[in-house]
Amino acid sequence: MSFDMWAYHPESHHTPGMILIGYTAVASDGEIGTVHEDIEEPGSTYVVVDTDPWTFDGPVLLPAGTIKRVDRHDKTILVNRTRDEIRHAPAYDPKQHYDNSRYRDRLADYYRPFYT
């Protein structure tokens, strides 16, 4: 079975229909921001995180496959990438990239080597 970048891992504790807006996003080496959008569509599930402006240049789009665990109690999502790895992903601009399959393909191409 191949890795699906755009789906939650069964061990993530995410359940269909769960709303993650307002959850704190935490990379493997520290907090990155707050979930602003939570999109759950067949073949394209992801969150958009409003990031710390001192660390990132703007919001980041994280495919569901990058989310290691959802903690309902602490209202956090744990992302299995470092802040630097997230920072170096293709930049997200909602005006250009919202609902843009080419952008999502570039993002998947960036993250996929971390999981193969």
N, C-alpha and C. Protein backbone atom coordinates (compact mmCIF):
# COMPACT_ATOMS: atom_id res chain seq x y z
N MET A 1 0.84 -1.19 0.00
CA MET A 1 0.00 0.00 0.00
C MET A 1 0.89 1.25 0.00
N SER A 2 0.58 2.21 -0.85
CA SER A 2 1.39 3.41 -0.93
C SER A 2 0.88 4.47 0.04
N PHE A 3 1.76 5.38 0.34
CA PHE A 3 1.45 6.48 1.26
C PHE A 3 0.53 7.48 0.57
N ASP A 4 -0.57 7.85 1.23
CA ASP A 4 -1.50 8.85 0.70
C ASP A 4 -1.30 10.16 1.44
N MET A 5 -0.67 11.11 0.76
CA MET A 5 -0.36 12.41 1.36
C MET A 5 -1.61 13.16 1.79
N TRP A 6 -2.74 12.90 1.13
CA TRP A 6 -3.94 13.70 1.31
C TRP A 6 -5.00 13.00 2.17
N ALA A 7 -4.57 12.05 2.99
CA ALA A 7 -5.49 11.35 3.90
C ALA A 7 -4.83 11.21 5.27
N TYR A 8 -5.65 11.24 6.31
CA TYR A 8 -5.14 11.05 7.67
C TYR A 8 -4.74 9.60 7.88
N HIS A 9 -3.65 9.38 8.60
CA HIS A 9 -3.25 8.05 8.99
C HIS A 9 -4.25 7.52 10.01
N PRO A 10 -4.55 6.24 9.99
CA PRO A 10 -5.48 5.69 10.98
C PRO A 10 -5.01 5.93 12.43
N GLU A 11 -3.70 5.94 12.66
CA GLU A 11 -3.18 6.13 14.02
C GLU A 11 -3.16 7.61 14.46
N SER A 12 -3.64 8.51 13.60
CA SER A 12 -3.64 9.94 13.94
C SER A 12 -4.73 10.32 14.94
N HIS A 13 -5.69 9.45 15.14
CA HIS A 13 -6.84 9.71 16.02
C HIS A 13 -7.81 10.73 15.43
N HIS A 14 -7.67 11.02 14.14
CA HIS A 14 -8.64 11.89 13.47
C HIS A 14 -9.84 11.05 13.06
N THR A 15 -11.02 11.60 13.25
CA THR A 15 -12.22 10.92 12.80
C THR A 15 -12.92 11.79 11.75
N PRO A 16 -13.52 11.18 10.74
CA PRO A 16 -14.20 11.96 9.71
C PRO A 16 -15.20 12.94 10.32
N GLY A 17 -15.19 14.14 9.80
CA GLY A 17 -16.10 15.17 10.29
C GLY A 17 -15.58 15.98 11.46
N MET A 18 -14.46 15.57 12.02
CA MET A 18 -13.85 16.30 13.13
C MET A 18 -13.39 17.67 12.64
N ILE A 19 -13.69 18.72 13.38
CA ILE A 19 -13.31 20.08 12.99
C ILE A 19 -12.06 20.48 13.78
N LEU A 20 -11.00 20.85 13.06
CA LEU A 20 -9.72 21.18 13.69
C LEU A 20 -9.46 22.68 13.75
N ILE A 21 -10.37 23.49 13.27
CA ILE A 21 -10.19 24.95 13.30
C ILE A 21 -10.00 25.39 14.75
N GLY A 22 -8.95 26.20 14.98
CA GLY A 22 -8.64 26.67 16.32
C GLY A 22 -7.62 25.82 17.05
N TYR A 23 -7.33 24.63 16.53
CA TYR A 23 -6.32 23.77 17.15
C TYR A 23 -4.93 24.38 16.93
N THR A 24 -4.04 24.15 17.86
CA THR A 24 -2.66 24.60 17.73
C THR A 24 -1.89 23.54 16.94
N ALA A 25 -1.15 23.99 15.93
CA ALA A 25 -0.31 23.10 15.12
C ALA A 25 1.10 23.11 15.69
N VAL A 26 1.63 21.92 15.96
CA VAL A 26 2.95 21.78 16.57
C VAL A 26 3.81 20.87 15.70
N ALA A 27 4.93 21.41 15.22
CA ALA A 27 5.90 20.62 14.46
C ALA A 27 6.70 19.77 15.45
N SER A 28 7.57 18.93 14.94
CA SER A 28 8.36 18.06 15.82
C SER A 28 9.31 18.86 16.71
N ASP A 29 9.57 20.14 16.35
CA ASP A 29 10.48 20.95 17.15
C ASP A 29 9.86 22.27 17.63
N GLY A 30 8.54 22.33 17.68
CA GLY A 30 7.91 23.51 18.26
C GLY A 30 6.64 23.95 17.54
N GLU A 31 5.93 24.85 18.18
CA GLU A 31 4.65 25.34 17.67
C GLU A 31 4.85 26.13 16.37
N ILE A 32 3.87 25.99 15.46
CA ILE A 32 3.93 26.75 14.22
C ILE A 32 2.75 27.71 14.04
N GLY A 33 1.64 27.47 14.72
CA GLY A 33 0.51 28.38 14.57
C GLY A 33 -0.81 27.72 14.91
N THR A 34 -1.89 28.30 14.36
CA THR A 34 -3.25 27.85 14.66
C THR A 34 -3.96 27.47 13.37
N VAL A 35 -4.68 26.36 13.41
CA VAL A 35 -5.43 25.91 12.23
C VAL A 35 -6.53 26.93 11.93
N HIS A 36 -6.50 27.44 10.71
CA HIS A 36 -7.46 28.44 10.25
C HIS A 36 -8.52 27.82 9.34
N GLU A 37 -8.12 26.83 8.55
CA GLU A 37 -9.04 26.12 7.67
C GLU A 37 -8.82 24.63 7.82
N ASP A 38 -9.90 23.88 7.68
CA ASP A 38 -9.86 22.43 7.79
C ASP A 38 -10.69 21.89 6.63
N ILE A 39 -10.02 21.41 5.60
CA ILE A 39 -10.69 20.96 4.38
C ILE A 39 -10.63 19.44 4.32
N GLU A 40 -11.79 18.82 4.25
CA GLU A 40 -11.86 17.36 4.20
C GLU A 40 -12.66 16.96 2.97
N GLU A 41 -11.92 16.66 1.89
CA GLU A 41 -12.52 16.25 0.63
C GLU A 41 -11.86 14.95 0.18
N PRO A 42 -12.58 14.10 -0.50
CA PRO A 42 -11.96 12.87 -1.00
C PRO A 42 -10.75 13.19 -1.88
N GLY A 43 -9.62 12.64 -1.54
CA GLY A 43 -8.39 12.83 -2.32
C GLY A 43 -7.67 14.14 -2.08
N SER A 44 -8.19 15.01 -1.19
CA SER A 44 -7.53 16.29 -0.95
C SER A 44 -7.92 16.84 0.42
N THR A 45 -7.42 16.20 1.46
CA THR A 45 -7.71 16.62 2.82
C THR A 45 -6.49 17.32 3.39
N TYR A 46 -6.70 18.51 3.96
CA TYR A 46 -5.58 19.30 4.47
C TYR A 46 -6.06 20.34 5.46
N VAL A 47 -5.10 20.96 6.14
CA VAL A 47 -5.39 22.10 7.01
C VAL A 47 -4.53 23.27 6.55
N VAL A 48 -5.03 24.47 6.78
CA VAL A 48 -4.25 25.69 6.55
C VAL A 48 -3.99 26.28 7.92
N VAL A 49 -2.71 26.57 8.19
CA VAL A 49 -2.30 27.06 9.49
C VAL A 49 -1.85 28.51 9.38
N ASP A 50 -2.46 29.37 10.20
CA ASP A 50 -1.96 30.74 10.35
C ASP A 50 -0.73 30.63 11.23
N THR A 51 0.40 31.08 10.72
CA THR A 51 1.67 30.84 11.39
C THR A 51 2.16 32.06 12.17
N ASP A 52 3.14 31.80 12.99
CA ASP A 52 3.83 32.83 13.75
C ASP A 52 4.57 33.74 12.76
N PRO A 53 4.21 35.02 12.68
CA PRO A 53 4.83 35.89 11.67
C PRO A 53 6.33 36.10 11.85
N TRP A 54 6.86 35.81 13.03
CA TRP A 54 8.30 35.95 13.26
C TRP A 54 9.08 34.77 12.69
N THR A 55 8.37 33.67 12.43
CA THR A 55 9.04 32.46 11.97
C THR A 55 8.74 32.14 10.51
N PHE A 56 7.50 32.37 10.09
CA PHE A 56 7.06 32.01 8.75
C PHE A 56 6.60 33.27 8.01
N ASP A 57 6.58 33.19 6.69
CA ASP A 57 6.19 34.34 5.88
C ASP A 57 4.68 34.44 5.65
N GLY A 58 3.94 33.48 6.10
CA GLY A 58 2.50 33.50 5.89
C GLY A 58 1.91 32.16 6.24
N PRO A 59 0.66 31.94 5.86
CA PRO A 59 0.02 30.67 6.20
C PRO A 59 0.71 29.51 5.47
N VAL A 60 0.53 28.32 6.02
CA VAL A 60 1.05 27.11 5.38
C VAL A 60 -0.08 26.12 5.21
N LEU A 61 -0.02 25.39 4.14
CA LEU A 61 -0.97 24.32 3.88
C LEU A 61 -0.29 23.01 4.23
N LEU A 62 -0.91 22.23 5.09
CA LEU A 62 -0.35 20.94 5.50
C LEU A 62 -1.27 19.82 5.06
N PRO A 63 -0.80 18.94 4.16
CA PRO A 63 -1.59 17.78 3.79
C PRO A 63 -1.88 16.92 5.01
N ALA A 64 -3.03 16.27 5.01
CA ALA A 64 -3.42 15.43 6.15
C ALA A 64 -2.36 14.38 6.49
N GLY A 65 -1.64 13.90 5.50
CA GLY A 65 -0.62 12.88 5.74
C GLY A 65 0.55 13.35 6.58
N THR A 66 0.72 14.66 6.72
CA THR A 66 1.81 15.17 7.56
C THR A 66 1.42 15.23 9.03
N ILE A 67 0.15 14.98 9.31
CA ILE A 67 -0.33 15.08 10.70
C ILE A 67 -0.21 13.72 11.37
N LYS A 68 0.66 13.69 12.36
CA LYS A 68 0.95 12.46 13.08
C LYS A 68 -0.16 12.10 14.06
N ARG A 69 -0.66 13.13 14.78
CA ARG A 69 -1.66 12.85 15.81
C ARG A 69 -2.52 14.08 16.06
N VAL A 70 -3.78 13.83 16.31
CA VAL A 70 -4.71 14.87 16.72
C VAL A 70 -5.01 14.63 18.20
N ASP A 71 -4.79 15.63 19.02
CA ASP A 71 -5.05 15.53 20.46
C ASP A 71 -6.26 16.40 20.79
N ARG A 72 -7.41 15.75 20.96
CA ARG A 72 -8.65 16.47 21.25
C ARG A 72 -8.60 17.17 22.60
N HIS A 73 -7.96 16.53 23.56
CA HIS A 73 -7.92 17.10 24.92
C HIS A 73 -7.16 18.41 24.94
N ASP A 74 -5.96 18.44 24.32
CA ASP A 74 -5.13 19.64 24.30
C ASP A 74 -5.42 20.55 23.11
N LYS A 75 -6.32 20.10 22.21
CA LYS A 75 -6.65 20.84 20.99
C LYS A 75 -5.39 21.19 20.20
N THR A 76 -4.60 20.15 19.93
CA THR A 76 -3.39 20.30 19.13
C THR A 76 -3.37 19.27 18.01
N ILE A 77 -2.68 19.63 16.93
CA ILE A 77 -2.32 18.64 15.92
C ILE A 77 -0.80 18.58 15.92
N LEU A 78 -0.28 17.38 15.96
CA LEU A 78 1.16 17.18 15.94
C LEU A 78 1.57 16.80 14.53
N VAL A 79 2.45 17.61 13.96
CA VAL A 79 2.90 17.44 12.60
C VAL A 79 4.27 16.75 12.64
N ASN A 80 4.43 15.71 11.83
CA ASN A 80 5.68 14.95 11.91
C ASN A 80 6.76 15.50 10.97
N ARG A 81 6.88 16.80 10.93
CA ARG A 81 7.93 17.50 10.21
C ARG A 81 8.46 18.61 11.10
N THR A 82 9.69 19.05 10.83
CA THR A 82 10.27 20.15 11.60
C THR A 82 9.76 21.48 11.07
N ARG A 83 9.97 22.51 11.85
CA ARG A 83 9.59 23.86 11.43
C ARG A 83 10.33 24.25 10.14
N ASP A 84 11.61 23.92 10.07
CA ASP A 84 12.39 24.23 8.87
C ASP A 84 11.85 23.50 7.64
N GLU A 85 11.50 22.23 7.80
CA GLU A 85 10.95 21.47 6.67
C GLU A 85 9.64 22.09 6.20
N ILE A 86 8.82 22.53 7.12
CA ILE A 86 7.56 23.18 6.77
C ILE A 86 7.83 24.53 6.12
N ARG A 87 8.76 25.28 6.66
CA ARG A 87 9.12 26.60 6.14
C ARG A 87 9.61 26.52 4.69
N HIS A 88 10.31 25.43 4.34
CA HIS A 88 10.87 25.30 3.00
C HIS A 88 9.92 24.65 1.99
N ALA A 89 8.73 24.30 2.42
CA ALA A 89 7.73 23.76 1.49
C ALA A 89 7.30 24.87 0.54
N PRO A 90 6.74 24.51 -0.61
CA PRO A 90 6.24 25.55 -1.52
C PRO A 90 5.29 26.50 -0.78
N ALA A 91 5.55 27.79 -0.91
CA ALA A 91 4.77 28.81 -0.20
C ALA A 91 3.29 28.73 -0.59
N TYR A 92 2.44 29.00 0.39
CA TYR A 92 0.99 28.98 0.16
C TYR A 92 0.46 30.40 0.11
N ASP A 93 -0.21 30.73 -0.98
CA ASP A 93 -0.88 32.01 -1.14
C ASP A 93 -2.33 31.69 -1.48
N PRO A 94 -3.26 31.94 -0.54
CA PRO A 94 -4.65 31.55 -0.79
C PRO A 94 -5.24 32.19 -2.05
N LYS A 95 -4.77 33.35 -2.44
CA LYS A 95 -5.29 34.00 -3.64
C LYS A 95 -4.87 33.26 -4.90
N GLN A 96 -3.72 32.59 -4.87
CA GLN A 96 -3.22 31.86 -6.03
C GLN A 96 -3.45 30.36 -5.93
N HIS A 97 -3.39 29.81 -4.73
CA HIS A 97 -3.31 28.37 -4.59
C HIS A 97 -4.56 27.69 -4.07
N TYR A 98 -5.54 28.45 -3.61
CA TYR A 98 -6.76 27.82 -3.11
C TYR A 98 -7.41 27.04 -4.24
N ASP A 99 -7.67 25.78 -4.02
CA ASP A 99 -8.30 24.91 -5.01
C ASP A 99 -7.46 24.77 -6.28
N ASN A 100 -6.14 24.83 -6.14
CA ASN A 100 -5.23 24.73 -7.28
C ASN A 100 -4.52 23.38 -7.23
N SER A 101 -4.90 22.47 -8.12
CA SER A 101 -4.34 21.11 -8.08
C SER A 101 -2.85 21.09 -8.41
N ARG A 102 -2.37 22.00 -9.25
CA ARG A 102 -0.93 22.03 -9.55
C ARG A 102 -0.12 22.39 -8.30
N TYR A 103 -0.62 23.33 -7.52
CA TYR A 103 0.07 23.67 -6.27
C TYR A 103 0.08 22.46 -5.34
N ARG A 104 -1.05 21.79 -5.19
CA ARG A 104 -1.11 20.61 -4.31
C ARG A 104 -0.16 19.52 -4.80
N ASP A 105 -0.03 19.36 -6.11
CA ASP A 105 0.92 18.37 -6.64
C ASP A 105 2.35 18.74 -6.26
N ARG A 106 2.71 20.03 -6.38
CA ARG A 106 4.06 20.47 -5.99
C ARG A 106 4.30 20.24 -4.50
N LEU A 107 3.29 20.52 -3.70
CA LEU A 107 3.40 20.33 -2.25
C LEU A 107 3.57 18.84 -1.94
N ALA A 108 2.80 17.99 -2.56
CA ALA A 108 2.94 16.54 -2.36
C ALA A 108 4.31 16.06 -2.80
N ASP A 109 4.81 16.58 -3.92
CA ASP A 109 6.15 16.20 -4.39
C ASP A 109 7.22 16.62 -3.39
N TYR A 110 7.02 17.75 -2.73
CA TYR A 110 7.98 18.22 -1.72
C TYR A 110 7.97 17.28 -0.50
N TYR A 111 6.79 16.96 0.02
CA TYR A 111 6.70 16.16 1.25
C TYR A 111 6.89 14.66 1.04
N ARG A 112 6.56 14.15 -0.13
CA ARG A 112 6.58 12.69 -0.35
C ARG A 112 7.91 12.01 0.00
N PRO A 113 9.07 12.58 -0.35
CA PRO A 113 10.33 11.89 0.00
C PRO A 113 10.53 11.68 1.49
N PHE A 114 9.90 12.48 2.33
CA PHE A 114 10.02 12.29 3.77
C PHE A 114 9.32 11.02 4.24
N TYR A 115 8.43 10.48 3.41
CA TYR A 115 7.60 9.35 3.81
C TYR A 115 7.85 8.08 3.00
N THR A 116 8.84 8.11 2.12
CA THR A 116 9.10 6.89 1.33
C THR A 116 10.42 6.27 1.71
